[in-house]
Amino acid sequence: MGPRSFLLDTHILLEALLDPDQLPVVIQTELMNPANTVWFSVASIWEIAIKSSLGRDDFSFNSREIHQLALETSFTELPILSEHCHLVANLPWHHRDPFDRLLLAQCEVLHTILLTRDLALPAYSPKVQLLT
């Protein structure tokens, strides 16, 4: 099998960086394979920043630190492009989370696999891989 491409949703990004043993072994192997491209979206960094600013006791992540760690891990930063935003308008309303909807659009534009634990997202595309 040739090189593969993955986009990590925010939850999977945090797990991959901070607690990779929570991920299935086959996914850990794929993410560590230097032939594969592992994308993290600016949308995830934005989501982390917003959740962090709310001061919730159950969310103690720092967007700047997560961003730096993702780059140091050799994940590839994915900017938000107008093309991604336009595609969001065409998505059905299976899910209302704006960050997840943007990630879905980015997945479609990139023709990549979106890794998630969100049960609502596979309804959008066969490119969404649900991790259990």
Protein backbone atom coordinates (compact mmCIF):
# COMPACT_ATOMS: atom_id res chain seq x y z
CA MET A 1 0.00 0.00 0.00
CA GLY A 2 1.33 3.45 -0.90
CA PRO A 3 1.49 6.57 1.22
CA ARG A 4 -1.75 7.62 2.89
CA SER A 5 -3.11 10.92 4.10
CA PHE A 6 -5.01 11.58 7.33
CA LEU A 7 -6.74 14.62 8.81
CA LEU A 8 -7.11 14.49 12.58
CA ASP A 9 -10.17 15.92 14.26
CA THR A 10 -9.45 17.93 17.41
CA HIS A 11 -10.02 15.05 19.83
CA ILE A 12 -7.76 12.71 17.84
CA LEU A 13 -5.12 15.43 17.51
CA LEU A 14 -4.97 15.80 21.29
CA GLU A 15 -4.79 12.04 21.78
CA ALA A 16 -2.12 11.60 19.11
CA LEU A 17 0.06 14.26 20.71
CA LEU A 18 -0.55 13.73 24.42
CA ASP A 19 -1.81 10.17 24.92
CA PRO A 20 -1.16 8.12 21.76
CA ASP A 21 -1.70 4.82 23.58
CA GLN A 22 -5.43 5.68 23.56
CA LEU A 23 -5.42 5.25 19.78
CA PRO A 24 -5.69 1.84 18.10
CA VAL A 25 -2.23 0.39 17.41
CA VAL A 26 -2.86 0.32 13.66
CA ILE A 27 -3.62 4.08 13.74
CA GLN A 28 -0.54 4.80 15.87
CA THR A 29 1.53 2.97 13.24
CA GLU A 30 -0.08 4.91 10.38
CA LEU A 31 0.50 8.25 12.11
CA MET A 32 4.16 7.44 12.78
CA ASN A 33 4.82 6.25 9.23
CA PRO A 34 6.98 8.98 7.59
CA ALA A 35 5.56 8.08 4.17
CA ASN A 36 2.09 9.20 5.30
CA THR A 37 0.88 12.79 5.59
CA VAL A 38 -0.81 13.64 8.86
CA TRP A 39 -2.75 16.91 8.71
CA PHE A 40 -3.96 19.02 11.63
CA SER A 41 -6.29 21.87 10.85
CA VAL A 42 -6.00 25.45 12.01
CA ALA A 43 -9.69 24.92 12.85
CA SER A 44 -8.59 22.52 15.62
CA ILE A 45 -6.11 25.04 17.01
CA TRP A 46 -8.88 27.65 16.93
CA GLU A 47 -11.28 25.27 18.70
CA ILE A 48 -8.68 24.54 21.40
CA ALA A 49 -8.09 28.28 21.88
CA ILE A 50 -11.81 28.95 22.29
CA LYS A 51 -12.34 26.08 24.73
CA SER A 52 -9.24 27.13 26.67
CA SER A 53 -10.49 30.70 26.95
CA LEU A 54 -13.69 29.46 28.60
CA GLY A 55 -11.64 28.40 31.64
CA ARG A 56 -13.36 25.04 31.98
CA ASP A 57 -11.92 22.72 34.61
CA ASP A 58 -12.14 19.76 32.22
CA PHE A 59 -10.13 21.43 29.44
CA SER A 60 -6.60 22.49 30.30
CA PHE A 61 -4.96 22.52 26.86
CA ASN A 62 -3.04 25.49 25.51
CA SER A 63 -3.50 26.14 21.79
CA ARG A 64 0.01 27.53 21.33
CA GLU A 65 1.59 24.49 23.00
CA ILE A 66 -0.55 22.03 21.03
CA HIS A 67 0.30 23.84 17.79
CA GLN A 68 4.03 23.71 18.53
CA LEU A 69 3.88 20.05 19.56
CA ALA A 70 2.01 19.15 16.36
CA LEU A 71 4.70 20.84 14.27
CA GLU A 72 7.48 19.15 16.26
CA THR A 73 5.75 15.81 15.67
CA SER A 74 6.00 16.49 11.91
CA PHE A 75 2.27 16.79 11.44
CA THR A 76 1.36 19.13 8.59
CA GLU A 77 -0.56 22.30 9.34
CA LEU A 78 -3.68 22.80 7.21
CA PRO A 79 -4.84 26.41 6.82
CA ILE A 80 -8.48 27.34 6.43
CA LEU A 81 -9.11 28.30 2.81
CA SER A 82 -12.14 29.98 1.28
CA GLU A 83 -12.76 26.79 -0.71
CA HIS A 84 -13.22 24.90 2.57
CA CYS A 85 -15.66 27.50 3.87
CA HIS A 86 -17.76 27.46 0.68
CA LEU A 87 -18.07 23.68 0.83
CA VAL A 88 -19.47 23.85 4.38
CA ALA A 89 -22.61 25.47 2.91
CA ASN A 90 -23.29 22.29 0.92
CA LEU A 91 -23.01 19.85 3.81
CA PRO A 92 -26.20 18.29 5.19
CA TRP A 93 -27.06 19.11 8.78
CA HIS A 94 -26.26 15.74 10.38
CA HIS A 95 -24.05 17.65 12.77
CA ARG A 96 -24.13 21.25 13.95
CA ASP A 97 -20.61 21.71 15.34
CA PRO A 98 -18.98 24.36 13.12
CA PHE A 99 -15.45 23.04 13.68
CA ASP A 100 -16.39 19.50 12.71
CA ARG A 101 -18.25 20.76 9.66
CA LEU A 102 -15.15 22.66 8.55
CA LEU A 103 -12.98 19.57 9.10
CA LEU A 104 -15.39 17.56 6.95
CA ALA A 105 -15.10 20.12 4.16
CA GLN A 106 -11.31 20.07 4.42
CA CYS A 107 -11.35 16.28 4.27
CA GLU A 108 -13.35 16.42 1.04
CA VAL A 109 -11.11 19.04 -0.58
CA LEU A 110 -7.93 17.15 0.37
CA HIS A 111 -9.36 13.74 -0.56
CA THR A 112 -8.00 12.44 2.72
CA ILE A 113 -9.26 10.30 5.59
CA LEU A 114 -10.73 12.14 8.57
CA LEU A 115 -10.02 10.32 11.83
CA THR A 116 -12.62 10.91 14.55
CA ARG A 117 -14.43 9.45 17.53
CA ASP A 118 -17.56 11.48 16.78
CA LEU A 119 -20.39 9.07 15.95
CA ALA A 120 -22.24 11.66 13.81
CA LEU A 121 -19.45 12.27 11.30
CA PRO A 122 -19.35 8.99 9.32
CA ALA A 123 -22.83 9.84 7.95
CA TYR A 124 -21.13 12.49 5.80
CA SER A 125 -18.60 10.49 3.86
CA PRO A 126 -16.88 7.12 3.50
CA LYS A 127 -13.67 9.15 3.96
CA VAL A 128 -14.51 9.52 7.67
CA GLN A 129 -12.95 6.77 9.76
CA LEU A 130 -14.53 6.25 13.17
CA LEU A 131 -12.10 5.16 15.87
CA THR A 132 -13.61 3.17 18.72
